[in-house]
Amino acid sequence: MKIGLLFGTFDPIHLGHIQIGQSLLDAKLVEKIWFIITPLNPFKKGKKISSIKDRFAMVSIAVKKQKKFIISDIELNLELPSYTSNTLRYIKQKYPKDDFVVIMGSDSYLSISKWQDSQYILDNFEIYVYQRPGQTVKLSSNIIHIPGKQMDISSSYIRNNLSLSRGLLDSEVLEYINKNALYH
């Protein structure tokens, strides 16, 4: 089975994340999408991040309507900080019969050289890149653009502009955020 791996802090998960996954399913590029919640992104050390419980709850809410979207807690059981290369090695070993691709935005791809053991990722996985407005990623044999309309959404924008975020979040995720006073 071909599975797309969408790693993220998901603080919060937004409709852009959902659209990316749905675009890949619609184009039949993957059969399932795993949303892998990163407990501690090495590039976000020292930054305020919502609890893993809240982020897991928001992702659960956002993906529940699409049976081919799977929420994964795989990184919760691995050594911190969460390095994508370590997680990918673990996944390949645990699920040897499946074919995995890594999904990321062009902003992440353009900075991949700063990631721990990025060459392992580039050498062993297809990378499906979501083009962000104003960023260009050169295609190669293992770099594939994700089809679909570009959405200029970021979780940081939503956290900083929650009152303007209607339409950028699943309504139940927004309700969860307000009920739990996240980002206020």
N, C-alpha and C. Protein backbone atom coordinates (compact mmCIF):
# COMPACT_ATOMS: atom_id res chain seq x y z
N MET A 1 0.84 -1.17 0.00
CA MET A 1 0.00 0.00 0.00
C MET A 1 0.89 1.25 0.00
N LYS A 2 0.51 2.24 -0.76
CA LYS A 2 1.26 3.49 -0.81
C LYS A 2 0.62 4.47 0.18
N ILE A 3 1.44 4.92 1.13
CA ILE A 3 0.96 5.75 2.23
C ILE A 3 1.74 7.06 2.25
N GLY A 4 1.00 8.17 2.30
CA GLY A 4 1.62 9.48 2.43
C GLY A 4 1.78 9.84 3.89
N LEU A 5 2.94 10.32 4.25
CA LEU A 5 3.24 10.70 5.63
C LEU A 5 3.29 12.22 5.72
N LEU A 6 2.34 12.79 6.44
CA LEU A 6 2.29 14.24 6.63
C LEU A 6 2.67 14.52 8.08
N PHE A 7 3.91 14.95 8.28
CA PHE A 7 4.43 15.26 9.61
C PHE A 7 4.04 16.69 9.96
N GLY A 8 3.78 16.94 11.23
CA GLY A 8 3.51 18.31 11.62
C GLY A 8 3.31 18.47 13.11
N THR A 9 3.50 19.71 13.55
CA THR A 9 3.17 20.06 14.92
C THR A 9 1.65 20.17 15.04
N PHE A 10 1.01 20.58 13.95
CA PHE A 10 -0.45 20.71 13.87
C PHE A 10 -0.98 21.53 15.05
N ASP A 11 -0.48 22.75 15.15
CA ASP A 11 -0.84 23.63 16.26
C ASP A 11 -1.38 24.96 15.73
N PRO A 12 -2.59 24.92 15.15
CA PRO A 12 -3.54 23.82 14.98
C PRO A 12 -3.47 23.24 13.56
N ILE A 13 -4.12 22.09 13.40
CA ILE A 13 -4.34 21.54 12.06
C ILE A 13 -5.36 22.44 11.38
N HIS A 14 -5.16 22.72 10.09
CA HIS A 14 -6.08 23.62 9.38
C HIS A 14 -6.53 22.99 8.07
N LEU A 15 -7.41 23.68 7.38
CA LEU A 15 -7.99 23.12 6.15
C LEU A 15 -6.95 22.95 5.04
N GLY A 16 -5.86 23.68 5.10
CA GLY A 16 -4.77 23.47 4.14
C GLY A 16 -4.19 22.08 4.27
N HIS A 17 -3.97 21.62 5.51
CA HIS A 17 -3.47 20.27 5.73
C HIS A 17 -4.44 19.23 5.16
N ILE A 18 -5.71 19.45 5.42
CA ILE A 18 -6.74 18.51 4.95
C ILE A 18 -6.80 18.51 3.42
N GLN A 19 -6.72 19.70 2.82
CA GLN A 19 -6.78 19.80 1.36
C GLN A 19 -5.60 19.08 0.71
N ILE A 20 -4.43 19.21 1.28
CA ILE A 20 -3.24 18.53 0.74
C ILE A 20 -3.48 17.02 0.71
N GLY A 21 -3.93 16.48 1.83
CA GLY A 21 -4.20 15.04 1.89
C GLY A 21 -5.27 14.61 0.91
N GLN A 22 -6.34 15.38 0.83
CA GLN A 22 -7.44 15.03 -0.08
C GLN A 22 -7.00 15.11 -1.54
N SER A 23 -6.17 16.10 -1.87
CA SER A 23 -5.66 16.23 -3.24
C SER A 23 -4.86 14.99 -3.65
N LEU A 24 -4.05 14.49 -2.73
CA LEU A 24 -3.25 13.29 -3.03
C LEU A 24 -4.14 12.06 -3.20
N LEU A 25 -5.17 11.95 -2.37
CA LEU A 25 -6.11 10.83 -2.51
C LEU A 25 -6.89 10.93 -3.82
N ASP A 26 -7.38 12.13 -4.12
CA ASP A 26 -8.17 12.34 -5.34
C ASP A 26 -7.36 12.03 -6.60
N ALA A 27 -6.07 12.37 -6.57
CA ALA A 27 -5.19 12.12 -7.71
C ALA A 27 -4.68 10.67 -7.74
N LYS A 28 -5.09 9.90 -6.73
CA LYS A 28 -4.69 8.49 -6.60
C LYS A 28 -3.16 8.33 -6.53
N LEU A 29 -2.51 9.32 -5.93
CA LEU A 29 -1.06 9.24 -5.73
C LEU A 29 -0.72 8.42 -4.50
N VAL A 30 -1.65 8.35 -3.55
CA VAL A 30 -1.50 7.53 -2.34
C VAL A 30 -2.85 6.89 -2.02
N GLU A 31 -2.80 5.87 -1.17
CA GLU A 31 -4.04 5.19 -0.76
C GLU A 31 -4.50 5.63 0.62
N LYS A 32 -3.58 6.10 1.43
CA LYS A 32 -3.90 6.61 2.77
C LYS A 32 -2.95 7.74 3.10
N ILE A 33 -3.38 8.57 4.04
CA ILE A 33 -2.53 9.64 4.57
C ILE A 33 -2.42 9.43 6.07
N TRP A 34 -1.19 9.35 6.56
CA TRP A 34 -0.97 9.31 8.00
C TRP A 34 -0.59 10.72 8.44
N PHE A 35 -1.34 11.27 9.37
CA PHE A 35 -1.01 12.55 9.99
C PHE A 35 -0.17 12.23 11.22
N ILE A 36 1.12 12.52 11.14
CA ILE A 36 2.05 12.18 12.21
C ILE A 36 2.31 13.42 13.05
N ILE A 37 1.80 13.40 14.27
CA ILE A 37 1.94 14.55 15.17
C ILE A 37 3.33 14.51 15.79
N THR A 38 4.07 15.58 15.58
CA THR A 38 5.42 15.70 16.09
C THR A 38 5.38 16.30 17.49
N PRO A 39 5.80 15.53 18.51
CA PRO A 39 5.73 16.07 19.87
C PRO A 39 6.72 17.21 20.11
N LEU A 40 7.92 17.09 19.53
CA LEU A 40 8.93 18.13 19.73
C LEU A 40 9.76 18.30 18.46
N ASN A 41 9.39 19.30 17.68
CA ASN A 41 10.12 19.64 16.47
C ASN A 41 11.43 20.31 16.88
N PRO A 42 12.58 19.80 16.42
CA PRO A 42 13.86 20.39 16.82
C PRO A 42 13.99 21.87 16.44
N PHE A 43 13.25 22.31 15.42
CA PHE A 43 13.31 23.71 15.01
C PHE A 43 12.38 24.59 15.84
N LYS A 44 11.60 23.99 16.72
CA LYS A 44 10.66 24.77 17.54
C LYS A 44 10.98 24.69 19.03
N LYS A 45 12.19 24.24 19.36
CA LYS A 45 12.60 24.18 20.76
C LYS A 45 12.50 25.57 21.37
N GLY A 46 11.93 25.65 22.56
CA GLY A 46 11.82 26.92 23.26
C GLY A 46 10.61 27.74 22.86
N LYS A 47 9.88 27.31 21.84
CA LYS A 47 8.67 28.04 21.43
C LYS A 47 7.47 27.45 22.15
N LYS A 48 6.48 28.30 22.39
CA LYS A 48 5.25 27.84 23.05
C LYS A 48 4.44 27.00 22.07
N ILE A 49 4.16 25.77 22.48
CA ILE A 49 3.39 24.84 21.66
C ILE A 49 2.28 24.27 22.53
N SER A 50 1.10 24.11 21.96
CA SER A 50 -0.01 23.51 22.70
C SER A 50 0.36 22.09 23.12
N SER A 51 -0.31 21.60 24.14
CA SER A 51 -0.01 20.26 24.65
C SER A 51 -0.26 19.21 23.57
N ILE A 52 0.41 18.09 23.71
CA ILE A 52 0.21 17.00 22.76
C ILE A 52 -1.24 16.52 22.83
N LYS A 53 -1.83 16.56 24.01
CA LYS A 53 -3.24 16.16 24.18
C LYS A 53 -4.15 17.04 23.32
N ASP A 54 -3.94 18.35 23.38
CA ASP A 54 -4.78 19.27 22.59
C ASP A 54 -4.53 19.10 21.09
N ARG A 55 -3.28 18.96 20.70
CA ARG A 55 -2.98 18.80 19.27
C ARG A 55 -3.53 17.48 18.73
N PHE A 56 -3.41 16.43 19.52
CA PHE A 56 -3.95 15.13 19.12
C PHE A 56 -5.47 15.22 18.98
N ALA A 57 -6.12 15.90 19.92
CA ALA A 57 -7.58 16.06 19.86
C ALA A 57 -7.99 16.83 18.61
N MET A 58 -7.28 17.92 18.29
CA MET A 58 -7.64 18.72 17.11
C MET A 58 -7.46 17.92 15.82
N VAL A 59 -6.37 17.16 15.72
CA VAL A 59 -6.16 16.35 14.52
C VAL A 59 -7.23 15.26 14.43
N SER A 60 -7.56 14.65 15.56
CA SER A 60 -8.62 13.62 15.57
C SER A 60 -9.93 14.18 15.04
N ILE A 61 -10.28 15.37 15.47
CA ILE A 61 -11.51 16.02 15.02
C ILE A 61 -11.44 16.28 13.51
N ALA A 62 -10.32 16.82 13.06
CA ALA A 62 -10.19 17.24 11.66
C ALA A 62 -10.19 16.08 10.67
N VAL A 63 -9.68 14.92 11.08
CA VAL A 63 -9.54 13.81 10.12
C VAL A 63 -10.66 12.78 10.21
N LYS A 64 -11.55 12.93 11.17
CA LYS A 64 -12.54 11.86 11.42
C LYS A 64 -13.51 11.64 10.26
N LYS A 65 -13.69 12.62 9.40
CA LYS A 65 -14.66 12.49 8.31
C LYS A 65 -14.12 11.74 7.09
N GLN A 66 -12.81 11.53 7.04
CA GLN A 66 -12.18 10.87 5.89
C GLN A 66 -11.52 9.58 6.38
N LYS A 67 -12.10 8.44 6.02
CA LYS A 67 -11.60 7.16 6.54
C LYS A 67 -10.19 6.82 6.07
N LYS A 68 -9.71 7.48 5.03
CA LYS A 68 -8.35 7.22 4.55
C LYS A 68 -7.32 8.13 5.21
N PHE A 69 -7.77 9.00 6.10
CA PHE A 69 -6.87 9.80 6.92
C PHE A 69 -6.69 9.07 8.25
N ILE A 70 -5.45 8.84 8.62
CA ILE A 70 -5.13 8.11 9.85
C ILE A 70 -4.30 9.03 10.74
N ILE A 71 -4.69 9.14 11.99
CA ILE A 71 -3.89 9.91 12.94
C ILE A 71 -2.86 8.96 13.54
N SER A 72 -1.62 9.38 13.56
CA SER A 72 -0.54 8.52 14.04
C SER A 72 0.15 9.14 15.26
N ASP A 73 0.33 8.30 16.27
CA ASP A 73 1.06 8.73 17.46
C ASP A 73 2.47 8.12 17.48
N ILE A 74 2.93 7.68 16.33
CA ILE A 74 4.19 6.94 16.23
C ILE A 74 5.36 7.71 16.84
N GLU A 75 5.40 9.04 16.66
CA GLU A 75 6.53 9.81 17.20
C GLU A 75 6.44 9.99 18.71
N LEU A 76 5.28 9.73 19.29
CA LEU A 76 5.15 9.86 20.75
C LEU A 76 5.95 8.78 21.46
N ASN A 77 6.27 7.71 20.76
CA ASN A 77 6.98 6.58 21.35
C ASN A 77 8.46 6.54 20.96
N LEU A 78 8.92 7.56 20.25
CA LEU A 78 10.31 7.61 19.83
C LEU A 78 11.08 8.66 20.62
N GLU A 79 12.39 8.57 20.55
CA GLU A 79 13.26 9.50 21.26
C GLU A 79 13.04 10.94 20.79
N LEU A 80 13.10 11.87 21.76
CA LEU A 80 12.96 13.30 21.45
C LEU A 80 14.32 13.95 21.37
N PRO A 81 14.48 15.03 20.60
CA PRO A 81 13.48 15.63 19.74
C PRO A 81 13.16 14.71 18.56
N SER A 82 12.09 15.02 17.88
CA SER A 82 11.59 14.19 16.78
C SER A 82 12.30 14.53 15.48
N TYR A 83 13.19 13.65 15.07
CA TYR A 83 13.87 13.83 13.79
C TYR A 83 13.18 12.97 12.74
N THR A 84 12.77 13.58 11.65
CA THR A 84 12.04 12.87 10.61
C THR A 84 12.81 11.66 10.11
N SER A 85 14.11 11.79 9.96
CA SER A 85 14.91 10.66 9.46
C SER A 85 14.81 9.46 10.39
N ASN A 86 14.84 9.69 11.71
CA ASN A 86 14.71 8.58 12.67
C ASN A 86 13.34 7.93 12.57
N THR A 87 12.31 8.76 12.47
CA THR A 87 10.95 8.24 12.37
C THR A 87 10.79 7.42 11.09
N LEU A 88 11.33 7.91 9.99
CA LEU A 88 11.22 7.18 8.73
C LEU A 88 11.93 5.84 8.78
N ARG A 89 13.08 5.78 9.41
CA ARG A 89 13.78 4.50 9.57
C ARG A 89 12.91 3.52 10.36
N TYR A 90 12.33 4.02 11.44
CA TYR A 90 11.47 3.19 12.27
C TYR A 90 10.26 2.68 11.48
N ILE A 91 9.62 3.56 10.74
CA ILE A 91 8.43 3.18 9.96
C ILE A 91 8.78 2.15 8.89
N LYS A 92 9.89 2.37 8.20
CA LYS A 92 10.31 1.41 7.15
C LYS A 92 10.56 0.02 7.74
N GLN A 93 11.15 0.00 8.93
CA GLN A 93 11.44 -1.28 9.58
C GLN A 93 10.15 -1.94 10.08
N LYS A 94 9.26 -1.17 10.65
CA LYS A 94 8.02 -1.72 11.23
C LYS A 94 7.00 -2.14 10.17
N TYR A 95 6.99 -1.45 9.03
CA TYR A 95 6.02 -1.73 7.96
C TYR A 95 6.74 -1.97 6.63
N PRO A 96 7.50 -3.05 6.54
CA PRO A 96 8.33 -3.26 5.34
C PRO A 96 7.55 -3.51 4.05
N LYS A 97 6.30 -3.91 4.14
CA LYS A 97 5.52 -4.21 2.93
C LYS A 97 4.86 -2.98 2.33
N ASP A 98 4.84 -1.88 3.07
CA ASP A 98 4.20 -0.66 2.58
C ASP A 98 5.22 0.26 1.93
N ASP A 99 4.73 1.10 1.04
CA ASP A 99 5.54 2.09 0.33
C ASP A 99 5.16 3.46 0.88
N PHE A 100 6.13 4.17 1.43
CA PHE A 100 5.86 5.46 2.07
C PHE A 100 6.43 6.61 1.27
N VAL A 101 5.68 7.71 1.22
CA VAL A 101 6.15 8.96 0.63
C VAL A 101 6.03 10.03 1.70
N VAL A 102 6.91 11.01 1.62
CA VAL A 102 6.91 12.11 2.59
C VAL A 102 6.23 13.31 1.96
N ILE A 103 5.30 13.91 2.70
CA ILE A 103 4.55 15.07 2.23
C ILE A 103 5.05 16.29 2.99
N MET A 104 5.33 17.37 2.26
CA MET A 104 5.76 18.60 2.94
C MET A 104 5.46 19.81 2.08
N GLY A 105 5.41 20.96 2.73
CA GLY A 105 5.27 22.22 2.02
C GLY A 105 6.59 22.63 1.41
N SER A 106 6.53 23.50 0.42
CA SER A 106 7.76 23.96 -0.24
C SER A 106 8.68 24.67 0.75
N ASP A 107 8.11 25.33 1.77
CA ASP A 107 8.96 25.99 2.77
C ASP A 107 9.83 24.97 3.50
N SER A 108 9.24 23.84 3.86
CA SER A 108 10.01 22.78 4.53
C SER A 108 11.03 22.17 3.58
N TYR A 109 10.62 21.91 2.35
CA TYR A 109 11.53 21.29 1.39
C TYR A 109 12.74 22.20 1.13
N LEU A 110 12.50 23.49 1.01
CA LEU A 110 13.60 24.42 0.72
C LEU A 110 14.60 24.52 1.87
N SER A 111 14.21 24.06 3.07
CA SER A 111 15.14 24.09 4.21
C SER A 111 15.57 22.68 4.63
N ILE A 112 15.28 21.68 3.82
CA ILE A 112 15.55 20.29 4.21
C ILE A 112 17.04 20.03 4.45
N SER A 113 17.91 20.79 3.83
CA SER A 113 19.35 20.58 4.04
C SER A 113 19.76 20.84 5.49
N LYS A 114 18.93 21.54 6.25
CA LYS A 114 19.21 21.82 7.67
C LYS A 114 18.73 20.69 8.58
N TRP A 115 17.98 19.74 8.04
CA TRP A 115 17.43 18.65 8.84
C TRP A 115 18.51 17.62 9.14
N GLN A 116 18.37 16.95 10.26
CA GLN A 116 19.29 15.87 10.59
C GLN A 116 19.15 14.75 9.56
N ASP A 117 20.26 14.33 9.01
CA ASP A 117 20.32 13.22 8.06
C ASP A 117 19.34 13.38 6.90
N SER A 118 19.28 14.59 6.37
CA SER A 118 18.35 14.87 5.26
C SER A 118 18.66 14.04 4.02
N GLN A 119 19.92 13.70 3.83
CA GLN A 119 20.28 12.93 2.63
C GLN A 119 19.61 11.56 2.65
N TYR A 120 19.46 10.97 3.84
CA TYR A 120 18.75 9.69 3.95
C TYR A 120 17.32 9.83 3.42
N ILE A 121 16.66 10.91 3.80
CA ILE A 121 15.28 11.15 3.37
C ILE A 121 15.23 11.30 1.85
N LEU A 122 16.11 12.13 1.32
CA LEU A 122 16.14 12.40 -0.12
C LEU A 122 16.49 11.16 -0.94
N ASP A 123 17.35 10.32 -0.39
CA ASP A 123 17.80 9.13 -1.11
C ASP A 123 16.81 7.96 -1.06
N ASN A 124 15.95 7.95 -0.05
CA ASN A 124 15.12 6.77 0.18
C ASN A 124 13.62 6.96 0.05
N PHE A 125 13.18 8.19 -0.19
CA PHE A 125 11.75 8.45 -0.23
C PHE A 125 11.40 9.41 -1.36
N GLU A 126 10.22 9.18 -1.95
CA GLU A 126 9.66 10.21 -2.81
C GLU A 126 9.18 11.33 -1.89
N ILE A 127 9.34 12.55 -2.35
CA ILE A 127 8.89 13.72 -1.59
C ILE A 127 7.77 14.38 -2.40
N TYR A 128 6.61 14.49 -1.81
CA TYR A 128 5.48 15.17 -2.44
C TYR A 128 5.42 16.56 -1.83
N VAL A 129 5.61 17.56 -2.67
CA VAL A 129 5.75 18.94 -2.20
C VAL A 129 4.51 19.76 -2.56
N TYR A 130 3.99 20.42 -1.54
CA TYR A 130 2.89 21.36 -1.73
C TYR A 130 3.49 22.74 -1.94
N GLN A 131 3.27 23.30 -3.12
CA GLN A 131 3.83 24.62 -3.45
C GLN A 131 3.12 25.71 -2.66
N ARG A 132 3.89 26.47 -1.93
CA ARG A 132 3.34 27.65 -1.26
C ARG A 132 3.51 28.83 -2.21
N PRO A 133 2.57 29.78 -2.17
CA PRO A 133 2.69 30.95 -3.05
C PRO A 133 4.04 31.64 -2.88
N GLY A 134 4.68 31.95 -4.00
CA GLY A 134 5.95 32.66 -3.98
C GLY A 134 7.17 31.78 -3.81
N GLN A 135 6.99 30.46 -3.70
CA GLN A 135 8.12 29.55 -3.54
C GLN A 135 8.11 28.55 -4.69
N THR A 136 9.30 28.29 -5.21
CA THR A 136 9.41 27.35 -6.33
C THR A 136 10.35 26.22 -5.95
N VAL A 137 9.90 25.01 -6.20
CA VAL A 137 10.71 23.82 -5.97
C VAL A 137 10.94 23.16 -7.31
N LYS A 138 12.20 22.88 -7.60
CA LYS A 138 12.56 22.23 -8.85
C LYS A 138 12.22 20.74 -8.75
N LEU A 139 11.54 20.23 -9.75
CA LEU A 139 11.17 18.82 -9.77
C LEU A 139 12.36 17.96 -10.13
N SER A 140 12.35 16.73 -9.62
CA SER A 140 13.34 15.73 -10.01
C SER A 140 12.62 14.38 -9.97
N SER A 141 13.36 13.31 -10.13
CA SER A 141 12.72 12.00 -10.20
C SER A 141 11.97 11.63 -8.93
N ASN A 142 12.42 12.12 -7.78
CA ASN A 142 11.72 11.77 -6.54
C ASN A 142 11.04 12.97 -5.87
N ILE A 143 10.98 14.11 -6.55
CA ILE A 143 10.29 15.30 -6.03
C ILE A 143 9.07 15.55 -6.91
N ILE A 144 7.90 15.46 -6.31
CA ILE A 144 6.65 15.54 -7.07
C ILE A 144 5.78 16.65 -6.48
N HIS A 145 5.25 17.49 -7.35
CA HIS A 145 4.33 18.54 -6.89
C HIS A 145 2.97 17.93 -6.58
N ILE A 146 2.37 18.38 -5.50
CA ILE A 146 1.03 17.95 -5.13
C ILE A 146 0.04 18.77 -5.96
N PRO A 147 -0.86 18.11 -6.66
CA PRO A 147 -1.84 18.86 -7.46
C PRO A 147 -2.84 19.58 -6.58
N GLY A 148 -3.47 20.58 -7.14
CA GLY A 148 -4.53 21.28 -6.41
C GLY A 148 -4.24 22.76 -6.26
N LYS A 149 -5.27 23.45 -5.79
CA LYS A 149 -5.20 24.89 -5.59
C LYS A 149 -4.28 25.22 -4.41
N GLN A 150 -3.47 26.26 -4.59
CA GLN A 150 -2.60 26.71 -3.50
C GLN A 150 -3.42 27.48 -2.47
N MET A 151 -3.17 27.17 -1.21
CA MET A 151 -3.80 27.91 -0.12
C MET A 151 -2.68 28.54 0.71
N ASP A 152 -2.78 29.81 0.94
CA ASP A 152 -1.77 30.50 1.73
C ASP A 152 -2.23 30.54 3.19
N ILE A 153 -2.07 29.42 3.87
CA ILE A 153 -2.50 29.28 5.26
C ILE A 153 -1.31 28.76 6.06
N SER A 154 -1.17 29.25 7.27
CA SER A 154 -0.18 28.67 8.18
C SER A 154 -0.78 28.61 9.58
N SER A 155 -0.33 27.64 10.34
CA SER A 155 -0.81 27.51 11.71
C SER A 155 -0.43 28.73 12.53
N SER A 156 0.75 29.31 12.28
CA SER A 156 1.16 30.49 13.05
C SER A 156 0.24 31.67 12.76
N TYR A 157 -0.20 31.83 11.51
CA TYR A 157 -1.15 32.90 11.18
C TYR A 157 -2.44 32.68 11.96
N ILE A 158 -2.93 31.46 11.99
CA ILE A 158 -4.17 31.16 12.70
C ILE A 158 -4.02 31.45 14.19
N ARG A 159 -2.92 31.02 14.80
CA ARG A 159 -2.71 31.28 16.23
C ARG A 159 -2.71 32.77 16.53
N ASN A 160 -2.11 33.55 15.64
CA ASN A 160 -1.98 35.00 15.87
C ASN A 160 -3.20 35.79 15.45
N ASN A 161 -4.09 35.19 14.67
CA ASN A 161 -5.27 35.89 14.14
C ASN A 161 -6.52 35.02 14.26
N LEU A 162 -6.73 34.46 15.43
CA LEU A 162 -7.80 33.49 15.60
C LEU A 162 -9.16 34.05 15.19
N SER A 163 -9.41 35.31 15.49
CA SER A 163 -10.72 35.89 15.16
C SER A 163 -10.95 35.99 13.65
N LEU A 164 -9.88 35.95 12.86
CA LEU A 164 -9.99 36.02 11.40
C LEU A 164 -9.90 34.64 10.74
N SER A 165 -9.89 33.60 11.55
CA SER A 165 -9.58 32.26 11.04
C SER A 165 -10.79 31.42 10.65
N ARG A 166 -11.98 31.97 10.75
CA ARG A 166 -13.16 31.22 10.32
C ARG A 166 -12.99 30.91 8.83
N GLY A 167 -13.25 29.69 8.45
CA GLY A 167 -13.07 29.29 7.06
C GLY A 167 -11.69 28.70 6.78
N LEU A 168 -10.77 28.84 7.74
CA LEU A 168 -9.44 28.25 7.60
C LEU A 168 -9.31 26.97 8.43
N LEU A 169 -10.27 26.80 9.34
CA LEU A 169 -10.28 25.65 10.25
C LEU A 169 -11.59 24.90 10.12
N ASP A 170 -11.56 23.61 10.37
CA ASP A 170 -12.79 22.84 10.53
C ASP A 170 -13.57 23.49 11.68
N SER A 171 -14.87 23.63 11.53
CA SER A 171 -15.67 24.33 12.55
C SER A 171 -15.58 23.65 13.91
N GLU A 172 -15.47 22.33 13.93
CA GLU A 172 -15.34 21.63 15.22
C GLU A 172 -13.96 21.84 15.84
N VAL A 173 -12.94 22.00 15.02
CA VAL A 173 -11.61 22.32 15.55
C VAL A 173 -11.64 23.72 16.16
N LEU A 174 -12.27 24.68 15.48
CA LEU A 174 -12.39 26.03 16.02
C LEU A 174 -13.16 26.01 17.34
N GLU A 175 -14.21 25.22 17.39
CA GLU A 175 -14.99 25.09 18.63
C GLU A 175 -14.11 24.53 19.75
N TYR A 176 -13.29 23.53 19.45
CA TYR A 176 -12.37 22.95 20.44
C TYR A 176 -11.38 24.00 20.93
N ILE A 177 -10.83 24.77 20.00
CA ILE A 177 -9.87 25.83 20.35
C ILE A 177 -10.51 26.82 21.31
N ASN A 178 -11.70 27.28 20.98
CA ASN A 178 -12.38 28.27 21.83
C ASN A 178 -12.77 27.68 23.17
N LYS A 179 -13.29 26.47 23.18
CA LYS A 179 -13.71 25.81 24.42
C LYS A 179 -12.54 25.62 25.38
N ASN A 180 -11.35 25.36 24.83
CA ASN A 180 -10.17 25.10 25.64
C ASN A 180 -9.24 26.31 25.76
N ALA A 181 -9.72 27.47 25.28
CA ALA A 181 -8.98 28.74 25.39
C ALA A 181 -7.55 28.64 24.86
N LEU A 182 -7.40 27.94 23.73
CA LEU A 182 -6.08 27.88 23.09
C LEU A 182 -5.87 29.16 22.29
N TYR A 183 -4.66 29.65 22.26
CA TYR A 183 -4.25 30.80 21.45
C TYR A 183 -4.92 32.11 21.87
N HIS A 184 -5.43 32.20 23.08
CA HIS A 184 -6.04 33.46 23.53
C HIS A 184 -5.07 34.22 24.41
